[in-house]
Amino acid sequence: MPAPLRIGFVGFDQITALDLVGPAEAFCSAVVKQRDGKERNVYEIFLLGLTSRPFISESGITFHPRTTLRSAPKLDTIVIPGGRGLRGAEVNRPVAQWLKARAAQTRRIVSVCTGIYGLAPTGLLDGKRVTTHWRFAADVAARFPKLKVDANALFLKAGRFYTSAGVTAGIDLALALIEEDFGRECALAVARELVVYLKRAGGQEQYSEPLQFQTKSIDRLGDSAIWITNNPNEDLSIEALATRACLSRRHFVRRFKAAFRQPPGIFVQAHRLDEARRRLCGGKASIDAVADSVGFKSTDAFRRAFRERFRITPSKYQRSFGVHHHK
């Protein structure tokens, strides 16, 4: 089998530890079976320091680099984590210079969260659509006007350059890169090992759905929305939801529409179908089982609703995107 792909993580004082450790753990968890049945890691991690001295994260964790930027071997992928330290000239300048010099011989260059501050000065992202942590998006756009900054995206690909949003989005991006390299089944195995979703779509907003609901509505309607997304197979009739919210039917519908800009019935069906689509991708469950698990009263009703929403039948969707069809 070919040698493991080398992934180089750029390290520096005042790094955000999870920007580094999250994606690194995902890559380290990726394995394939050899002909003798033994598992083999498909990535080799290199932690690169500006010097050979240990560096300390924003949270006080000490990291010991494996080698330095200057001595780094040829790398398949370079990952630039974010952190306060990278936004200072003392770190930013040598990192940007090194990235610019290494770009031509590197297959992929990835920034996690505010790691974009190290990559943007190189000019390599000019004219490209990129993302970063929502809190820094406006500053990045102002400092680097040639970038097309999308403050909502979870992660974005622009040729061989990848940028991701805040902190844990680096794990989402790492899973996408693993899938790109070794297939969906390998990425799914890593997601199971890390106890996370296989991935949220790259264009998805940075907030998780429950957090969006809590942000929009901190009262009992926010709790209702979270209940709906977490319990698709429960009784989600307007009467049942209104009772849970301790409101009359009419008052509940009016308040729900004002908070989420759609009637509760449409909201419920949309999230049942989204969950069904995820379940069709993630396993070998039958269409009947999936329909029942997300609260549809009949498989025929599920098929009609699914086709109307996604313009494809559930069975065809499962054949096209299910994990067991990506070996």
C-alpha atoms as a PDB file:
ATOM      1  CA  MET A   1       0.000   0.000   0.000  1.00  0.00           C
ATOM      2  CA  PRO A   2       1.192   3.587  -0.564  1.00  0.00           C
ATOM      3  CA  ALA A   3       2.878   5.446   2.275  1.00  0.00           C
ATOM      4  CA  PRO A   4       0.675   7.503   4.638  1.00  0.00           C
ATOM      5  CA  LEU A   5      -0.081  11.028   3.501  1.00  0.00           C
ATOM      6  CA  ARG A   6       1.883  13.614   5.438  1.00  0.00           C
ATOM      7  CA  ILE A   7      -0.180  16.299   7.173  1.00  0.00           C
ATOM      8  CA  GLY A   8       1.753  19.268   8.556  1.00  0.00           C
ATOM      9  CA  PHE A   9       0.171  21.388  11.304  1.00  0.00           C
ATOM     10  CA  VAL A  10       1.698  24.824  11.804  1.00  0.00           C
ATOM     11  CA  GLY A  11       2.224  25.525  15.518  1.00  0.00           C
ATOM     12  CA  PHE A  12       2.947  28.759  17.395  1.00  0.00           C
ATOM     13  CA  ASP A  13       2.529  30.381  20.807  1.00  0.00           C
ATOM     14  CA  GLN A  14      -1.060  31.415  21.609  1.00  0.00           C
ATOM     15  CA  ILE A  15      -2.576  28.878  19.206  1.00  0.00           C
ATOM     16  CA  THR A  16      -6.178  27.731  19.693  1.00  0.00           C
ATOM     17  CA  ALA A  17      -5.585  24.177  20.885  1.00  0.00           C
ATOM     18  CA  LEU A  18      -8.766  22.663  19.472  1.00  0.00           C
ATOM     19  CA  ASP A  19      -8.015  24.063  15.994  1.00  0.00           C
ATOM     20  CA  LEU A  20      -4.939  21.845  16.085  1.00  0.00           C
ATOM     21  CA  VAL A  21      -5.999  18.844  18.141  1.00  0.00           C
ATOM     22  CA  GLY A  22      -9.501  18.368  16.656  1.00  0.00           C
ATOM     23  CA  PRO A  23      -8.451  17.880  13.013  1.00  0.00           C
ATOM     24  CA  ALA A  24      -5.258  16.060  14.071  1.00  0.00           C
ATOM     25  CA  GLU A  25      -7.266  13.469  16.026  1.00  0.00           C
ATOM     26  CA  ALA A  26      -9.572  12.999  13.031  1.00  0.00           C
ATOM     27  CA  PHE A  27      -6.649  12.343  10.684  1.00  0.00           C
ATOM     28  CA  CYS A  28      -4.968  10.050  13.230  1.00  0.00           C
ATOM     29  CA  SER A  29      -8.157   7.997  13.538  1.00  0.00           C
ATOM     30  CA  ALA A  30      -8.341   7.274   9.795  1.00  0.00           C
ATOM     31  CA  VAL A  31      -7.264   3.707   9.017  1.00  0.00           C
ATOM     32  CA  VAL A  32      -7.626   1.183   6.204  1.00  0.00           C
ATOM     33  CA  LYS A  33      -7.349  -2.597   6.267  1.00  0.00           C
ATOM     34  CA  GLN A  34      -4.384  -4.181   4.564  1.00  0.00           C
ATOM     35  CA  ARG A  35      -4.458  -7.491   2.728  1.00  0.00           C
ATOM     36  CA  ASP A  36      -3.298  -9.287   5.877  1.00  0.00           C
ATOM     37  CA  GLY A  37      -6.313  -7.886   7.746  1.00  0.00           C
ATOM     38  CA  LYS A  38      -4.294  -5.488   9.893  1.00  0.00           C
ATOM     39  CA  GLU A  39      -5.270  -1.827  10.090  1.00  0.00           C
ATOM     40  CA  ARG A  40      -2.867   0.869   8.975  1.00  0.00           C
ATOM     41  CA  ASN A  41      -2.980   4.613   9.518  1.00  0.00           C
ATOM     42  CA  VAL A  42      -3.387   6.512   6.266  1.00  0.00           C
ATOM     43  CA  TYR A  43      -1.998   9.836   7.539  1.00  0.00           C
ATOM     44  CA  GLU A  44       1.221  10.798   9.292  1.00  0.00           C
ATOM     45  CA  ILE A  45       1.053  13.931  11.426  1.00  0.00           C
ATOM     46  CA  PHE A  46       3.874  16.463  11.633  1.00  0.00           C
ATOM     47  CA  LEU A  47       3.614  19.219  14.229  1.00  0.00           C
ATOM     48  CA  LEU A  48       5.711  22.105  12.929  1.00  0.00           C
ATOM     49  CA  GLY A  49       7.083  24.872  15.123  1.00  0.00           C
ATOM     50  CA  LEU A  50       8.585  28.188  14.152  1.00  0.00           C
ATOM     51  CA  THR A  51      11.516  26.938  16.229  1.00  0.00           C
ATOM     52  CA  SER A  52      12.254  23.619  17.894  1.00  0.00           C
ATOM     53  CA  ARG A  53      11.144  24.982  21.276  1.00  0.00           C
ATOM     54  CA  PRO A  54       7.760  24.005  22.813  1.00  0.00           C
ATOM     55  CA  PHE A  55       4.889  26.418  22.226  1.00  0.00           C
ATOM     56  CA  ILE A  56       1.919  27.156  24.484  1.00  0.00           C
ATOM     57  CA  SER A  57      -1.725  27.437  23.457  1.00  0.00           C
ATOM     58  CA  GLU A  58      -4.166  30.147  24.535  1.00  0.00           C
ATOM     59  CA  SER A  59      -5.534  27.698  27.112  1.00  0.00           C
ATOM     60  CA  GLY A  60      -2.088  26.945  28.560  1.00  0.00           C
ATOM     61  CA  ILE A  61      -1.453  23.553  26.935  1.00  0.00           C
ATOM     62  CA  THR A  62       2.181  22.957  25.960  1.00  0.00           C
ATOM     63  CA  PHE A  63       2.974  21.380  22.597  1.00  0.00           C
ATOM     64  CA  HIS A  64       6.322  19.957  21.502  1.00  0.00           C
ATOM     65  CA  PRO A  65       6.893  20.313  17.746  1.00  0.00           C
ATOM     66  CA  ARG A  66       8.150  17.317  15.830  1.00  0.00           C
ATOM     67  CA  THR A  67      10.233  19.554  13.596  1.00  0.00           C
ATOM     68  CA  THR A  68      10.408  23.149  12.415  1.00  0.00           C
ATOM     69  CA  LEU A  69       8.985  24.944   9.399  1.00  0.00           C
ATOM     70  CA  ARG A  70      12.454  25.177   7.908  1.00  0.00           C
ATOM     71  CA  SER A  71      13.181  21.452   8.388  1.00  0.00           C
ATOM     72  CA  ALA A  72       9.741  20.108   7.464  1.00  0.00           C
ATOM     73  CA  PRO A  73       9.656  17.280   4.910  1.00  0.00           C
ATOM     74  CA  LYS A  74       7.551  17.415   1.775  1.00  0.00           C
ATOM     75  CA  LEU A  75       3.916  17.493   2.875  1.00  0.00           C
ATOM     76  CA  ASP A  76       0.712  16.403   1.183  1.00  0.00           C
ATOM     77  CA  THR A  77      -1.434  18.834   3.185  1.00  0.00           C
ATOM     78  CA  ILE A  78      -0.623  21.862   5.324  1.00  0.00           C
ATOM     79  CA  VAL A  79      -3.065  22.924   8.055  1.00  0.00           C
ATOM     80  CA  ILE A  80      -2.880  26.384   9.636  1.00  0.00           C
ATOM     81  CA  PRO A  81      -4.802  26.491  12.932  1.00  0.00           C
ATOM     82  CA  GLY A  82      -6.051  29.783  14.315  1.00  0.00           C
ATOM     83  CA  GLY A  83      -5.186  31.590  17.506  1.00  0.00           C
ATOM     84  CA  ARG A  84      -4.274  34.977  18.906  1.00  0.00           C
ATOM     85  CA  GLY A  85      -0.582  34.444  18.258  1.00  0.00           C
ATOM     86  CA  LEU A  86      -0.989  34.175  14.487  1.00  0.00           C
ATOM     87  CA  ARG A  87      -2.485  37.666  14.313  1.00  0.00           C
ATOM     88  CA  GLY A  88       0.762  39.227  15.532  1.00  0.00           C
ATOM     89  CA  ALA A  89       3.482  40.167  13.025  1.00  0.00           C
ATOM     90  CA  GLU A  90       6.153  38.155  14.858  1.00  0.00           C
ATOM     91  CA  VAL A  91       4.346  34.912  13.969  1.00  0.00           C
ATOM     92  CA  ASN A  92       2.290  35.990  10.982  1.00  0.00           C
ATOM     93  CA  ARG A  93       5.168  37.131   8.797  1.00  0.00           C
ATOM     94  CA  PRO A  94       7.314  33.950   8.897  1.00  0.00           C
ATOM     95  CA  VAL A  95       4.246  31.694   8.581  1.00  0.00           C
ATOM     96  CA  ALA A  96       2.972  33.574   5.512  1.00  0.00           C
ATOM     97  CA  GLN A  97       6.427  33.571   3.919  1.00  0.00           C
ATOM     98  CA  TRP A  98       6.821  29.840   4.503  1.00  0.00           C
ATOM     99  CA  LEU A  99       3.354  29.066   3.113  1.00  0.00           C
ATOM    100  CA  LYS A 100       4.032  31.077  -0.021  1.00  0.00           C
ATOM    101  CA  ALA A 101       7.309  29.241  -0.573  1.00  0.00           C
ATOM    102  CA  ARG A 102       5.734  25.809   0.060  1.00  0.00           C
ATOM    103  CA  ALA A 103       2.488  26.280  -1.873  1.00  0.00           C
ATOM    104  CA  ALA A 104       3.680  25.039  -5.261  1.00  0.00           C
ATOM    105  CA  GLN A 105       4.817  21.663  -3.907  1.00  0.00           C
ATOM    106  CA  THR A 106       1.818  21.055  -1.615  1.00  0.00           C
ATOM    107  CA  ARG A 107      -1.382  19.352  -2.777  1.00  0.00           C
ATOM    108  CA  ARG A 108      -3.691  21.060  -0.253  1.00  0.00           C
ATOM    109  CA  ILE A 109      -3.474  24.032   2.082  1.00  0.00           C
ATOM    110  CA  VAL A 110      -6.085  24.339   4.820  1.00  0.00           C
ATOM    111  CA  SER A 111      -6.887  27.087   7.311  1.00  0.00           C
ATOM    112  CA  VAL A 112      -8.930  26.393  10.427  1.00  0.00           C
ATOM    113  CA  CYS A 113     -10.885  29.225  12.029  1.00  0.00           C
ATOM    114  CA  THR A 114      -8.626  32.327  12.226  1.00  0.00           C
ATOM    115  CA  GLY A 115      -5.795  30.397  10.603  1.00  0.00           C
ATOM    116  CA  ILE A 116      -6.814  32.396   7.539  1.00  0.00           C
ATOM    117  CA  TYR A 117      -4.770  35.296   8.951  1.00  0.00           C
ATOM    118  CA  GLY A 118      -1.654  33.285   8.131  1.00  0.00           C
ATOM    119  CA  LEU A 119      -2.768  32.292   4.640  1.00  0.00           C
ATOM    120  CA  ALA A 120      -4.440  35.478   3.396  1.00  0.00           C
ATOM    121  CA  PRO A 121      -1.252  37.645   3.335  1.00  0.00           C
ATOM    122  CA  THR A 122       0.320  35.257   0.809  1.00  0.00           C
ATOM    123  CA  GLY A 123      -2.103  36.385  -1.900  1.00  0.00           C
ATOM    124  CA  LEU A 124      -2.887  32.760  -2.665  1.00  0.00           C
ATOM    125  CA  LEU A 125      -6.541  33.250  -1.703  1.00  0.00           C
ATOM    126  CA  ASP A 126      -7.089  36.436  -3.712  1.00  0.00           C
ATOM    127  CA  GLY A 127     -10.350  36.303  -5.654  1.00  0.00           C
ATOM    128  CA  LYS A 128     -11.436  33.127  -3.885  1.00  0.00           C
ATOM    129  CA  ARG A 129     -14.504  32.513  -1.731  1.00  0.00           C
ATOM    130  CA  VAL A 130     -13.373  31.819   1.826  1.00  0.00           C
ATOM    131  CA  THR A 131     -14.711  31.587   5.359  1.00  0.00           C
ATOM    132  CA  THR A 132     -13.501  32.016   8.925  1.00  0.00           C
ATOM    133  CA  HIS A 133     -14.961  32.315  12.420  1.00  0.00           C
ATOM    134  CA  TRP A 134     -18.068  34.492  12.170  1.00  0.00           C
ATOM    135  CA  ARG A 135     -16.695  36.939  14.763  1.00  0.00           C
ATOM    136  CA  PHE A 136     -13.616  37.713  12.613  1.00  0.00           C
ATOM    137  CA  ALA A 137     -15.248  37.680   9.168  1.00  0.00           C
ATOM    138  CA  ALA A 138     -15.704  41.451   8.911  1.00  0.00           C
ATOM    139  CA  ASP A 139     -12.113  42.115  10.002  1.00  0.00           C
ATOM    140  CA  VAL A 140     -10.729  39.595   7.497  1.00  0.00           C
ATOM    141  CA  ALA A 141     -12.802  41.168   4.717  1.00  0.00           C
ATOM    142  CA  ALA A 142     -11.546  44.641   5.634  1.00  0.00           C
ATOM    143  CA  ARG A 143      -7.885  43.630   5.911  1.00  0.00           C
ATOM    144  CA  PHE A 144      -7.907  41.495   2.771  1.00  0.00           C
ATOM    145  CA  PRO A 145     -10.393  43.111   0.340  1.00  0.00           C
ATOM    146  CA  LYS A 146      -9.439  40.756  -2.497  1.00  0.00           C
ATOM    147  CA  LEU A 147     -10.998  37.815  -0.613  1.00  0.00           C
ATOM    148  CA  LYS A 148     -14.669  36.904  -1.010  1.00  0.00           C
ATOM    149  CA  VAL A 149     -15.511  36.276   2.644  1.00  0.00           C
ATOM    150  CA  ASP A 150     -18.605  34.225   3.447  1.00  0.00           C
ATOM    151  CA  ALA A 151     -19.367  34.681   7.142  1.00  0.00           C
ATOM    152  CA  ASN A 152     -21.925  31.860   7.236  1.00  0.00           C
ATOM    153  CA  ALA A 153     -20.242  28.874   5.602  1.00  0.00           C
ATOM    154  CA  LEU A 154     -18.936  26.016   7.712  1.00  0.00           C
ATOM    155  CA  PHE A 155     -16.072  25.294   5.319  1.00  0.00           C
ATOM    156  CA  LEU A 156     -15.291  26.109   1.705  1.00  0.00           C
ATOM    157  CA  LYS A 157     -13.111  24.664  -1.034  1.00  0.00           C
ATOM    158  CA  ALA A 158     -11.466  26.877  -3.632  1.00  0.00           C
ATOM    159  CA  GLY A 159      -9.277  24.693  -5.813  1.00  0.00           C
ATOM    160  CA  ARG A 160      -6.580  23.268  -3.540  1.00  0.00           C
ATOM    161  CA  PHE A 161      -7.285  25.769  -0.771  1.00  0.00           C
ATOM    162  CA  TYR A 162      -9.734  25.043   2.031  1.00  0.00           C
ATOM    163  CA  THR A 163     -10.959  27.419   4.720  1.00  0.00           C
ATOM    164  CA  SER A 164     -13.161  26.602   7.687  1.00  0.00           C
ATOM    165  CA  ALA A 165     -15.193  28.400  10.302  1.00  0.00           C
ATOM    166  CA  GLY A 166     -14.798  28.496  14.050  1.00  0.00           C
ATOM    167  CA  VAL A 167     -12.968  25.851  16.061  1.00  0.00           C
ATOM    168  CA  THR A 168     -14.944  22.577  15.768  1.00  0.00           C
ATOM    169  CA  ALA A 169     -15.592  23.277  12.077  1.00  0.00           C
ATOM    170  CA  GLY A 170     -12.017  22.081  11.635  1.00  0.00           C
ATOM    171  CA  ILE A 171     -13.236  18.576  12.497  1.00  0.00           C
ATOM    172  CA  ASP A 172     -16.017  18.851   9.898  1.00  0.00           C
ATOM    173  CA  LEU A 173     -13.442  19.871   7.312  1.00  0.00           C
ATOM    174  CA  ALA A 174     -11.013  17.105   8.319  1.00  0.00           C
ATOM    175  CA  LEU A 175     -13.772  14.524   7.854  1.00  0.00           C
ATOM    176  CA  ALA A 176     -14.530  15.955   4.417  1.00  0.00           C
ATOM    177  CA  LEU A 177     -10.859  15.707   3.459  1.00  0.00           C
ATOM    178  CA  ILE A 178     -10.675  12.104   4.695  1.00  0.00           C
ATOM    179  CA  GLU A 179     -13.745  11.282   2.609  1.00  0.00           C
ATOM    180  CA  GLU A 180     -12.136  13.012  -0.364  1.00  0.00           C
ATOM    181  CA  ASP A 181      -8.978  10.909   0.027  1.00  0.00           C
ATOM    182  CA  PHE A 182     -10.252   7.501   1.167  1.00  0.00           C
ATOM    183  CA  GLY A 183     -14.009   7.425   0.698  1.00  0.00           C
ATOM    184  CA  ARG A 184     -17.135   7.870   2.716  1.00  0.00           C
ATOM    185  CA  GLU A 185     -16.843   4.616   4.638  1.00  0.00           C
ATOM    186  CA  CYS A 186     -13.444   5.584   6.039  1.00  0.00           C
ATOM    187  CA  ALA A 187     -14.723   9.036   7.029  1.00  0.00           C
ATOM    188  CA  LEU A 188     -17.806   7.524   8.644  1.00  0.00           C
ATOM    189  CA  ALA A 189     -15.619   5.197  10.713  1.00  0.00           C
ATOM    190  CA  VAL A 190     -13.650   8.215  11.952  1.00  0.00           C
ATOM    191  CA  ALA A 191     -16.857  10.084  12.785  1.00  0.00           C
ATOM    192  CA  ARG A 192     -18.044   7.095  14.814  1.00  0.00           C
ATOM    193  CA  GLU A 193     -14.703   6.921  16.609  1.00  0.00           C
ATOM    194  CA  LEU A 194     -14.918  10.626  17.491  1.00  0.00           C
ATOM    195  CA  VAL A 195     -18.670  10.372  18.264  1.00  0.00           C
ATOM    196  CA  VAL A 196     -19.609  13.165  15.853  1.00  0.00           C
ATOM    197  CA  TYR A 197     -21.785  13.427  12.751  1.00  0.00           C
ATOM    198  CA  LEU A 198     -20.052  12.314   9.564  1.00  0.00           C
ATOM    199  CA  LYS A 199     -20.190  15.893   8.430  1.00  0.00           C
ATOM    200  CA  ARG A 200     -22.374  18.889   8.085  1.00  0.00           C
ATOM    201  CA  ALA A 201     -22.468  20.191   4.537  1.00  0.00           C
ATOM    202  CA  GLY A 202     -19.711  22.705   3.856  1.00  0.00           C
ATOM    203  CA  GLY A 203     -22.152  25.417   2.858  1.00  0.00           C
ATOM    204  CA  GLN A 204     -24.162  24.993   6.021  1.00  0.00           C
ATOM    205  CA  GLU A 205     -24.272  27.880   8.469  1.00  0.00           C
ATOM    206  CA  GLN A 206     -21.743  27.915  11.291  1.00  0.00           C
ATOM    207  CA  TYR A 207     -24.372  27.621  14.014  1.00  0.00           C
ATOM    208  CA  SER A 208     -25.859  24.191  14.645  1.00  0.00           C
ATOM    209  CA  GLU A 209     -29.624  24.086  14.217  1.00  0.00           C
ATOM    210  CA  PRO A 210     -30.424  23.863  17.947  1.00  0.00           C
ATOM    211  CA  LEU A 211     -28.114  26.812  18.626  1.00  0.00           C
ATOM    212  CA  GLN A 212     -29.813  28.811  15.893  1.00  0.00           C
ATOM    213  CA  PHE A 213     -33.148  28.137  17.538  1.00  0.00           C
ATOM    214  CA  GLN A 214     -31.853  29.122  20.956  1.00  0.00           C
ATOM    215  CA  THR A 215     -30.350  32.290  19.496  1.00  0.00           C
ATOM    216  CA  LYS A 216     -33.580  33.254  17.753  1.00  0.00           C
ATOM    217  CA  SER A 217     -35.869  32.382  20.611  1.00  0.00           C
ATOM    218  CA  ILE A 218     -34.712  31.990  24.190  1.00  0.00           C
ATOM    219  CA  ASP A 219     -38.194  31.246  25.486  1.00  0.00           C
ATOM    220  CA  ARG A 220     -40.273  28.066  25.372  1.00  0.00           C
ATOM    221  CA  LEU A 221     -40.479  28.161  21.546  1.00  0.00           C
ATOM    222  CA  GLY A 222     -36.727  27.635  21.332  1.00  0.00           C
ATOM    223  CA  ASP A 223     -37.202  24.526  23.456  1.00  0.00           C
ATOM    224  CA  SER A 224     -40.017  23.382  21.154  1.00  0.00           C
ATOM    225  CA  ALA A 225     -37.780  23.674  18.088  1.00  0.00           C
ATOM    226  CA  ILE A 226     -35.039  21.658  19.744  1.00  0.00           C
ATOM    227  CA  TRP A 227     -37.572  19.022  20.806  1.00  0.00           C
ATOM    228  CA  ILE A 228     -38.750  18.725  17.195  1.00  0.00           C
ATOM    229  CA  THR A 229     -35.241  18.250  15.786  1.00  0.00           C
ATOM    230  CA  ASN A 230     -34.233  15.736  18.458  1.00  0.00           C
ATOM    231  CA  ASN A 231     -37.451  13.693  18.469  1.00  0.00           C
ATOM    232  CA  PRO A 232     -38.708  13.314  14.881  1.00  0.00           C
ATOM    233  CA  ASN A 233     -40.651  10.122  15.630  1.00  0.00           C
ATOM    234  CA  GLU A 234     -42.654  11.594  18.523  1.00  0.00           C
ATOM    235  CA  ASP A 235     -46.121  13.125  18.310  1.00  0.00           C
ATOM    236  CA  LEU A 236     -45.320  16.490  16.734  1.00  0.00           C
ATOM    237  CA  SER A 237     -48.865  17.578  16.018  1.00  0.00           C
ATOM    238  CA  ILE A 238     -49.689  21.219  16.681  1.00  0.00           C
ATOM    239  CA  GLU A 239     -51.861  20.160  19.615  1.00  0.00           C
ATOM    240  CA  ALA A 240     -49.037  18.139  21.206  1.00  0.00           C
ATOM    241  CA  LEU A 241     -46.468  20.882  20.668  1.00  0.00           C
ATOM    242  CA  ALA A 242     -48.789  23.568  22.005  1.00  0.00           C
ATOM    243  CA  THR A 243     -49.398  21.466  25.111  1.00  0.00           C
ATOM    244  CA  ARG A 244     -45.652  21.048  25.652  1.00  0.00           C
ATOM    245  CA  ALA A 245     -45.232  24.825  25.363  1.00  0.00           C
ATOM    246  CA  CYS A 246     -48.167  25.442  27.733  1.00  0.00           C
ATOM    247  CA  LEU A 247     -49.929  27.575  25.117  1.00  0.00           C
ATOM    248  CA  SER A 248     -53.236  27.432  23.352  1.00  0.00           C
ATOM    249  CA  ARG A 249     -53.187  26.051  19.810  1.00  0.00           C
ATOM    250  CA  ARG A 250     -53.846  29.433  18.201  1.00  0.00           C
ATOM    251  CA  HIS A 251     -51.335  31.271  20.409  1.00  0.00           C
ATOM    252  CA  PHE A 252     -48.670  28.626  19.772  1.00  0.00           C
ATOM    253  CA  VAL A 253     -49.080  28.801  15.975  1.00  0.00           C
ATOM    254  CA  ARG A 254     -48.938  32.597  15.992  1.00  0.00           C
ATOM    255  CA  ARG A 255     -45.844  32.717  18.207  1.00  0.00           C
ATOM    256  CA  PHE A 256     -44.100  29.933  16.269  1.00  0.00           C
ATOM    257  CA  LYS A 257     -44.642  31.639  12.899  1.00  0.00           C
ATOM    258  CA  ALA A 258     -43.351  34.908  14.300  1.00  0.00           C
ATOM    259  CA  ALA A 259     -40.204  33.254  15.681  1.00  0.00           C
ATOM    260  CA  PHE A 260     -39.324  30.898  12.802  1.00  0.00           C
ATOM    261  CA  ARG A 261     -41.123  32.479   9.828  1.00  0.00           C
ATOM    262  CA  GLN A 262     -43.036  29.329   8.937  1.00  0.00           C
ATOM    263  CA  PRO A 263     -45.947  27.334  10.343  1.00  0.00           C
ATOM    264  CA  PRO A 264     -45.036  24.530  12.771  1.00  0.00           C
ATOM    265  CA  GLY A 265     -46.388  21.844  10.420  1.00  0.00           C
ATOM    266  CA  ILE A 266     -44.030  22.851   7.612  1.00  0.00           C
ATOM    267  CA  PHE A 267     -41.146  23.150  10.080  1.00  0.00           C
ATOM    268  CA  VAL A 268     -41.809  19.644  11.419  1.00  0.00           C
ATOM    269  CA  GLN A 269     -41.986  18.016   7.991  1.00  0.00           C
ATOM    270  CA  ALA A 270     -38.830  19.773   6.780  1.00  0.00           C
ATOM    271  CA  HIS A 271     -36.813  18.518   9.721  1.00  0.00           C
ATOM    272  CA  ARG A 272     -38.213  15.016   9.487  1.00  0.00           C
ATOM    273  CA  LEU A 273     -37.120  14.906   5.866  1.00  0.00           C
ATOM    274  CA  ASP A 274     -33.679  16.319   6.658  1.00  0.00           C
ATOM    275  CA  GLU A 275     -33.200  13.658   9.325  1.00  0.00           C
ATOM    276  CA  ALA A 276     -34.451  10.980   6.932  1.00  0.00           C
ATOM    277  CA  ARG A 277     -31.906  12.076   4.349  1.00  0.00           C
ATOM    278  CA  ARG A 278     -29.133  11.802   6.953  1.00  0.00           C
ATOM    279  CA  ARG A 279     -30.284   8.307   7.955  1.00  0.00           C
ATOM    280  CA  LEU A 280     -30.457   7.176   4.344  1.00  0.00           C
ATOM    281  CA  CYS A 281     -26.832   8.261   3.903  1.00  0.00           C
ATOM    282  CA  GLY A 282     -25.504   6.753   7.097  1.00  0.00           C
ATOM    283  CA  GLY A 283     -26.585   3.142   7.021  1.00  0.00           C
ATOM    284  CA  LYS A 284     -28.383   0.246   5.353  1.00  0.00           C
ATOM    285  CA  ALA A 285     -31.833   0.744   6.886  1.00  0.00           C
ATOM    286  CA  SER A 286     -34.795   0.010   4.633  1.00  0.00           C
ATOM    287  CA  ILE A 287     -36.969   2.830   3.317  1.00  0.00           C
ATOM    288  CA  ASP A 288     -39.815   1.537   5.502  1.00  0.00           C
ATOM    289  CA  ALA A 289     -37.623   1.649   8.607  1.00  0.00           C
ATOM    290  CA  VAL A 290     -36.365   5.154   7.869  1.00  0.00           C
ATOM    291  CA  ALA A 291     -39.891   6.434   7.222  1.00  0.00           C
ATOM    292  CA  ASP A 292     -41.095   5.002  10.516  1.00  0.00           C
ATOM    293  CA  SER A 293     -38.068   6.237  12.469  1.00  0.00           C
ATOM    294  CA  VAL A 294     -38.689   9.871  11.516  1.00  0.00           C
ATOM    295  CA  GLY A 295     -42.389   9.828  12.272  1.00  0.00           C
ATOM    296  CA  PHE A 296     -44.161   9.285   8.951  1.00  0.00           C
ATOM    297  CA  LYS A 297     -47.405   7.327   9.275  1.00  0.00           C
ATOM    298  CA  SER A 298     -46.837   5.467   6.025  1.00  0.00           C
ATOM    299  CA  THR A 299     -43.977   4.750   3.652  1.00  0.00           C
ATOM    300  CA  ASP A 300     -46.022   6.041   0.715  1.00  0.00           C
ATOM    301  CA  ALA A 301     -46.522   9.393   2.440  1.00  0.00           C
ATOM    302  CA  PHE A 302     -42.803   9.522   3.163  1.00  0.00           C
ATOM    303  CA  ARG A 303     -41.875   8.752  -0.439  1.00  0.00           C
ATOM    304  CA  ARG A 304     -44.195  11.455  -1.758  1.00  0.00           C
ATOM    305  CA  ALA A 305     -42.918  14.069   0.675  1.00  0.00           C
ATOM    306  CA  PHE A 306     -39.276  13.149   0.081  1.00  0.00           C
ATOM    307  CA  ARG A 307     -39.619  13.304  -3.698  1.00  0.00           C
ATOM    308  CA  GLU A 308     -41.467  16.611  -3.560  1.00  0.00           C
ATOM    309  CA  ARG A 309     -38.776  18.136  -1.333  1.00  0.00           C
ATOM    310  CA  PHE A 310     -35.593  16.749  -2.920  1.00  0.00           C
ATOM    311  CA  ARG A 311     -36.735  15.882  -6.468  1.00  0.00           C
ATOM    312  CA  ILE A 312     -35.466  12.314  -6.057  1.00  0.00           C
ATOM    313  CA  THR A 313     -36.912   9.133  -4.588  1.00  0.00           C
ATOM    314  CA  PRO A 314     -35.618   7.902  -1.195  1.00  0.00           C
ATOM    315  CA  SER A 315     -34.358   4.648  -2.724  1.00  0.00           C
ATOM    316  CA  LYS A 316     -32.448   6.427  -5.480  1.00  0.00           C
ATOM    317  CA  TYR A 317     -31.031   8.868  -2.960  1.00  0.00           C
ATOM    318  CA  GLN A 318     -29.838   5.973  -0.800  1.00  0.00           C
ATOM    319  CA  ARG A 319     -28.272   4.226  -3.804  1.00  0.00           C
ATOM    320  CA  SER A 320     -26.474   7.423  -4.776  1.00  0.00           C
ATOM    321  CA  PHE A 321     -25.308   8.656  -1.393  1.00  0.00           C
ATOM    322  CA  GLY A 322     -25.531   5.801   1.108  1.00  0.00           C
ATOM    323  CA  VAL A 323     -22.298   4.775   2.795  1.00  0.00           C
ATOM    324  CA  HIS A 324     -22.402   1.159   1.592  1.00  0.00           C
ATOM    325  CA  HIS A 325     -22.359   2.377  -2.012  1.00  0.00           C
ATOM    326  CA  HIS A 326     -19.049   4.221  -1.572  1.00  0.00           C
ATOM    327  CA  LYS A 327     -16.650   1.390  -0.938  1.00  0.00           C
END
